[in-house]
Amino acid sequence: ASTVACAVCGTTLAHSTGGDATFEGEV
C-alpha cells in the first residue's frame, strides 16, 4: 500500500499502484 525501501541501503524496491505493486528489484 506504500513505497517499500530496502532495509539496508534505502533504495526503492516496490511502488504502490492501488493494486499489485510494481517491483524495482529482481523478484
PDB file of all heavy atoms in Angstrom:
ATOM      1  N   ALA A   1       0.816  -1.217   0.000  1.00  0.00           N
ATOM      2  CA  ALA A   1       0.000   0.000   0.000  1.00  0.00           C
ATOM      3  C   ALA A   1       0.850   1.268   0.000  1.00  0.00           C
ATOM      4  O   ALA A   1       0.325   2.363  -0.141  1.00  0.00           O
ATOM      5  CB  ALA A   1      -0.919   0.001   1.203  1.00  0.00           C
ATOM      6  N   SER A   2       2.159   1.105   0.164  1.00  0.00           N
ATOM      7  CA  SER A   2       3.056   2.261   0.154  1.00  0.00           C
ATOM      8  C   SER A   2       4.375   1.842  -0.487  1.00  0.00           C
ATOM      9  O   SER A   2       4.597   0.674  -0.767  1.00  0.00           O
ATOM     10  CB  SER A   2       3.299   2.776   1.577  1.00  0.00           C
ATOM     11  OG  SER A   2       3.879   1.775   2.367  1.00  0.00           O
ATOM     12  N   THR A   3       5.237   2.811  -0.699  1.00  0.00           N
ATOM     13  CA  THR A   3       6.553   2.523  -1.271  1.00  0.00           C
ATOM     14  C   THR A   3       7.363   1.708  -0.272  1.00  0.00           C
ATOM     15  O   THR A   3       7.365   2.005   0.912  1.00  0.00           O
ATOM     16  CB  THR A   3       7.285   3.833  -1.604  1.00  0.00           C
ATOM     17  OG1 THR A   3       6.498   4.546  -2.565  1.00  0.00           O
ATOM     18  CG2 THR A   3       8.657   3.571  -2.185  1.00  0.00           C
ATOM     19  N   VAL A   4       8.039   0.671  -0.764  1.00  0.00           N
ATOM     20  CA  VAL A   4       8.866  -0.182   0.093  1.00  0.00           C
ATOM     21  C   VAL A   4      10.326   0.090  -0.221  1.00  0.00           C
ATOM     22  O   VAL A   4      10.750  -0.002  -1.379  1.00  0.00           O
ATOM     23  CB  VAL A   4       8.553  -1.677  -0.140  1.00  0.00           C
ATOM     24  CG1 VAL A   4       9.440  -2.555   0.725  1.00  0.00           C
ATOM     25  CG2 VAL A   4       7.083  -1.962   0.130  1.00  0.00           C
ATOM     26  N   ALA A   5      11.099   0.431   0.813  1.00  0.00           N
ATOM     27  CA  ALA A   5      12.523   0.731   0.653  1.00  0.00           C
ATOM     28  C   ALA A   5      13.357  -0.428   1.178  1.00  0.00           C
ATOM     29  O   ALA A   5      12.949  -1.143   2.098  1.00  0.00           O
ATOM     30  CB  ALA A   5      12.880   2.005   1.395  1.00  0.00           C
ATOM     31  N   CYS A   6      14.541  -0.601   0.609  1.00  0.00           N
ATOM     32  CA  CYS A   6      15.492  -1.596   1.083  1.00  0.00           C
ATOM     33  C   CYS A   6      15.884  -1.262   2.518  1.00  0.00           C
ATOM     34  O   CYS A   6      16.196  -0.106   2.827  1.00  0.00           O
ATOM     35  CB  CYS A   6      16.728  -1.614   0.183  1.00  0.00           C
ATOM     36  SG  CYS A   6      18.026  -2.736   0.740  1.00  0.00           S
ATOM     37  N   ALA A   7      15.884  -2.260   3.383  1.00  0.00           N
ATOM     38  CA  ALA A   7      16.224  -2.053   4.793  1.00  0.00           C
ATOM     39  C   ALA A   7      17.704  -1.750   4.988  1.00  0.00           C
ATOM     40  O   ALA A   7      18.093  -1.187   6.008  1.00  0.00           O
ATOM     41  CB  ALA A   7      15.840  -3.281   5.605  1.00  0.00           C
ATOM     42  N   VAL A   8      18.544  -2.080   4.006  1.00  0.00           N
ATOM     43  CA  VAL A   8      19.984  -1.869   4.132  1.00  0.00           C
ATOM     44  C   VAL A   8      20.410  -0.520   3.561  1.00  0.00           C
ATOM     45  O   VAL A   8      21.057   0.272   4.240  1.00  0.00           O
ATOM     46  CB  VAL A   8      20.767  -3.014   3.447  1.00  0.00           C
ATOM     47  CG1 VAL A   8      22.250  -2.742   3.454  1.00  0.00           C
ATOM     48  CG2 VAL A   8      20.455  -4.336   4.124  1.00  0.00           C
ATOM     49  N   CYS A   9      20.039  -0.240   2.309  1.00  0.00           N
ATOM     50  CA  CYS A   9      20.553   0.965   1.657  1.00  0.00           C
ATOM     51  C   CYS A   9      19.494   2.023   1.361  1.00  0.00           C
ATOM     52  O   CYS A   9      19.824   3.139   0.975  1.00  0.00           O
ATOM     53  CB  CYS A   9      21.285   0.595   0.370  1.00  0.00           C
ATOM     54  SG  CYS A   9      20.210   0.009  -0.949  1.00  0.00           S
ATOM     55  N   GLY A  10      18.208   1.688   1.505  1.00  0.00           N
ATOM     56  CA  GLY A  10      17.147   2.667   1.292  1.00  0.00           C
ATOM     57  C   GLY A  10      16.648   2.806  -0.130  1.00  0.00           C
ATOM     58  O   GLY A  10      15.745   3.598  -0.396  1.00  0.00           O
ATOM     59  N   THR A  11      17.194   2.029  -1.062  1.00  0.00           N
ATOM     60  CA  THR A  11      16.735   2.064  -2.448  1.00  0.00           C
ATOM     61  C   THR A  11      15.292   1.569  -2.521  1.00  0.00           C
ATOM     62  O   THR A  11      14.914   0.645  -1.809  1.00  0.00           O
ATOM     63  CB  THR A  11      17.619   1.158  -3.328  1.00  0.00           C
ATOM     64  OG1 THR A  11      18.951   1.659  -3.292  1.00  0.00           O
ATOM     65  CG2 THR A  11      17.141   1.107  -4.766  1.00  0.00           C
ATOM     66  N   THR A  12      14.478   2.153  -3.380  1.00  0.00           N
ATOM     67  CA  THR A  12      13.086   1.734  -3.528  1.00  0.00           C
ATOM     68  C   THR A  12      13.026   0.355  -4.175  1.00  0.00           C
ATOM     69  O   THR A  12      13.603   0.131  -5.240  1.00  0.00           O
ATOM     70  CB  THR A  12      12.307   2.745  -4.381  1.00  0.00           C
ATOM     71  OG1 THR A  12      12.350   4.011  -3.718  1.00  0.00           O
ATOM     72  CG2 THR A  12      10.866   2.316  -4.575  1.00  0.00           C
ATOM     73  N   LEU A  13      12.308  -0.571  -3.515  1.00  0.00           N
ATOM     74  CA  LEU A  13      12.139  -1.923  -4.040  1.00  0.00           C
ATOM     75  C   LEU A  13      10.786  -2.110  -4.710  1.00  0.00           C
ATOM     76  O   LEU A  13      10.658  -2.885  -5.651  1.00  0.00           O
ATOM     77  CB  LEU A  13      12.279  -2.957  -2.919  1.00  0.00           C
ATOM     78  CG  LEU A  13      13.637  -3.055  -2.256  1.00  0.00           C
ATOM     79  CD1 LEU A  13      13.591  -4.107  -1.156  1.00  0.00           C
ATOM     80  CD2 LEU A  13      14.720  -3.391  -3.265  1.00  0.00           C
ATOM     81  N   ALA A  14       9.758  -1.410  -4.223  1.00  0.00           N
ATOM     82  CA  ALA A  14       8.413  -1.566  -4.773  1.00  0.00           C
ATOM     83  C   ALA A  14       7.629  -0.269  -4.630  1.00  0.00           C
ATOM     84  O   ALA A  14       7.820   0.484  -3.677  1.00  0.00           O
ATOM     85  CB  ALA A  14       7.685  -2.695  -4.061  1.00  0.00           C
ATOM     86  N   HIS A  15       6.742  -0.031  -5.594  1.00  0.00           N
ATOM     87  CA  HIS A  15       5.856   1.131  -5.590  1.00  0.00           C
ATOM     88  C   HIS A  15       4.416   0.633  -5.514  1.00  0.00           C
ATOM     89  O   HIS A  15       4.059  -0.343  -6.166  1.00  0.00           O
ATOM     90  CB  HIS A  15       5.981   1.944  -6.885  1.00  0.00           C
ATOM     91  CG  HIS A  15       7.297   2.590  -7.078  1.00  0.00           C
ATOM     92  ND1 HIS A  15       7.660   3.744  -6.426  1.00  0.00           N
ATOM     93  CD2 HIS A  15       8.353   2.251  -7.853  1.00  0.00           C
ATOM     94  CE1 HIS A  15       8.875   4.088  -6.809  1.00  0.00           C
ATOM     95  NE2 HIS A  15       9.318   3.188  -7.673  1.00  0.00           N
ATOM     96  N   SER A  16       3.585   1.340  -4.768  1.00  0.00           N
ATOM     97  CA  SER A  16       2.167   1.042  -4.718  1.00  0.00           C
ATOM     98  C   SER A  16       1.508   1.539  -6.005  1.00  0.00           C
ATOM     99  O   SER A  16       1.849   2.608  -6.507  1.00  0.00           O
ATOM    100  CB  SER A  16       1.533   1.749  -3.524  1.00  0.00           C
ATOM    101  OG  SER A  16       0.137   1.614  -3.562  1.00  0.00           O
ATOM    102  N   THR A  17       0.560   0.755  -6.519  1.00  0.00           N
ATOM    103  CA  THR A  17      -0.160   1.164  -7.724  1.00  0.00           C
ATOM    104  C   THR A  17      -1.666   1.166  -7.496  1.00  0.00           C
ATOM    105  O   THR A  17      -2.423   1.391  -8.423  1.00  0.00           O
ATOM    106  CB  THR A  17       0.147   0.216  -8.898  1.00  0.00           C
ATOM    107  OG1 THR A  17      -0.299  -1.097  -8.548  1.00  0.00           O
ATOM    108  CG2 THR A  17       1.615   0.198  -9.235  1.00  0.00           C
ATOM    109  N   GLY A  18      -2.084   0.879  -6.263  1.00  0.00           N
ATOM    110  CA  GLY A  18      -3.507   0.757  -5.983  1.00  0.00           C
ATOM    111  C   GLY A  18      -3.992  -0.665  -6.181  1.00  0.00           C
ATOM    112  O   GLY A  18      -5.134  -0.990  -5.897  1.00  0.00           O
ATOM    113  N   GLY A  19      -3.127  -1.527  -6.633  1.00  0.00           N
ATOM    114  CA  GLY A  19      -3.403  -2.949  -6.833  1.00  0.00           C
ATOM    115  C   GLY A  19      -2.118  -3.691  -6.575  1.00  0.00           C
ATOM    116  O   GLY A  19      -1.503  -3.539  -5.531  1.00  0.00           O
ATOM    117  N   ASP A  20      -1.695  -4.469  -7.540  1.00  0.00           N
ATOM    118  CA  ASP A  20      -0.407  -5.146  -7.416  1.00  0.00           C
ATOM    119  C   ASP A  20       0.722  -4.125  -7.478  1.00  0.00           C
ATOM    120  O   ASP A  20       0.704  -3.211  -8.305  1.00  0.00           O
ATOM    121  CB  ASP A  20      -0.213  -6.168  -8.541  1.00  0.00           C
ATOM    122  CG  ASP A  20      -1.138  -7.362  -8.408  1.00  0.00           C
ATOM    123  OD1 ASP A  20      -1.592  -7.635  -7.282  1.00  0.00           O
ATOM    124  OD2 ASP A  20      -1.390  -8.034  -9.420  1.00  0.00           O
ATOM    125  N   ALA A  21       1.695  -4.285  -6.602  1.00  0.00           N
ATOM    126  CA  ALA A  21       2.840  -3.372  -6.576  1.00  0.00           C
ATOM    127  C   ALA A  21       3.733  -3.607  -7.793  1.00  0.00           C
ATOM    128  O   ALA A  21       3.754  -4.697  -8.361  1.00  0.00           O
ATOM    129  CB  ALA A  21       3.646  -3.590  -5.301  1.00  0.00           C
ATOM    130  N   THR A  22       4.461  -2.573  -8.193  1.00  0.00           N
ATOM    131  CA  THR A  22       5.478  -2.738  -9.228  1.00  0.00           C
ATOM    132  C   THR A  22       6.827  -2.825  -8.525  1.00  0.00           C
ATOM    133  O   THR A  22       7.110  -2.038  -7.625  1.00  0.00           O
ATOM    134  CB  THR A  22       5.480  -1.566 -10.231  1.00  0.00           C
ATOM    135  OG1 THR A  22       5.648  -0.345  -9.533  1.00  0.00           O
ATOM    136  CG2 THR A  22       4.194  -1.526 -11.032  1.00  0.00           C
ATOM    137  N   PHE A  23       7.649  -3.791  -8.929  1.00  0.00           N
ATOM    138  CA  PHE A  23       8.923  -4.046  -8.280  1.00  0.00           C
ATOM    139  C   PHE A  23      10.068  -3.429  -9.067  1.00  0.00           C
ATOM    140  O   PHE A  23      10.132  -3.560 -10.287  1.00  0.00           O
ATOM    141  CB  PHE A  23       9.160  -5.551  -8.126  1.00  0.00           C
ATOM    142  CG  PHE A  23       8.143  -6.223  -7.250  1.00  0.00           C
ATOM    143  CD1 PHE A  23       7.169  -7.047  -7.786  1.00  0.00           C
ATOM    144  CD2 PHE A  23       8.157  -6.027  -5.881  1.00  0.00           C
ATOM    145  CE1 PHE A  23       6.235  -7.656  -6.989  1.00  0.00           C
ATOM    146  CE2 PHE A  23       7.221  -6.635  -5.059  1.00  0.00           C
ATOM    147  CZ  PHE A  23       6.261  -7.455  -5.617  1.00  0.00           C
ATOM    148  N   GLU A  24      10.979  -2.766  -8.367  1.00  0.00           N
ATOM    149  CA  GLU A  24      12.187  -2.202  -8.965  1.00  0.00           C
ATOM    150  C   GLU A  24      13.309  -3.230  -8.954  1.00  0.00           C
ATOM    151  O   GLU A  24      14.138  -3.258  -9.841  1.00  0.00           O
ATOM    152  CB  GLU A  24      12.624  -0.948  -8.199  1.00  0.00           C
ATOM    153  CG  GLU A  24      11.625   0.187  -8.229  1.00  0.00           C
ATOM    154  CD  GLU A  24      11.401   0.745  -9.614  1.00  0.00           C
ATOM    155  OE1 GLU A  24      12.376   0.852 -10.388  1.00  0.00           O
ATOM    156  OE2 GLU A  24      10.245   1.064  -9.930  1.00  0.00           O
ATOM    157  N   GLY A  25      13.336  -4.057  -7.923  1.00  0.00           N
ATOM    158  CA  GLY A  25      14.363  -5.091  -7.808  1.00  0.00           C
ATOM    159  C   GLY A  25      13.925  -6.369  -8.499  1.00  0.00           C
ATOM    160  O   GLY A  25      12.800  -6.480  -8.987  1.00  0.00           O
ATOM    161  N   GLU A  26      14.828  -7.340  -8.534  1.00  0.00           N
ATOM    162  CA  GLU A  26      14.548  -8.632  -9.143  1.00  0.00           C
ATOM    163  C   GLU A  26      13.744  -9.495  -8.177  1.00  0.00           C
ATOM    164  O   GLU A  26      14.118  -9.667  -7.020  1.00  0.00           O
ATOM    165  CB  GLU A  26      15.866  -9.333  -9.478  1.00  0.00           C
ATOM    166  CG  GLU A  26      15.693 -10.716 -10.035  1.00  0.00           C
ATOM    167  CD  GLU A  26      17.017 -11.441 -10.212  1.00  0.00           C
ATOM    168  OE1 GLU A  26      18.072 -10.847  -9.939  1.00  0.00           O
ATOM    169  OE2 GLU A  26      16.975 -12.604 -10.611  1.00  0.00           O
ATOM    170  N   VAL A  27      12.609 -10.044  -8.647  1.00  0.00           N
ATOM    171  CA  VAL A  27      11.821 -10.961  -7.828  1.00  0.00           C
ATOM    172  C   VAL A  27      12.497 -12.324  -7.895  1.00  0.00           C
ATOM    173  O   VAL A  27      12.618 -12.924  -8.965  1.00  0.00           O
ATOM    174  CB  VAL A  27      10.365 -11.046  -8.325  1.00  0.00           C
ATOM    175  CG1 VAL A  27       9.590 -12.079  -7.522  1.00  0.00           C
ATOM    176  CG2 VAL A  27       9.702  -9.680  -8.230  1.00  0.00           C
TER     177      VAL A  27
END
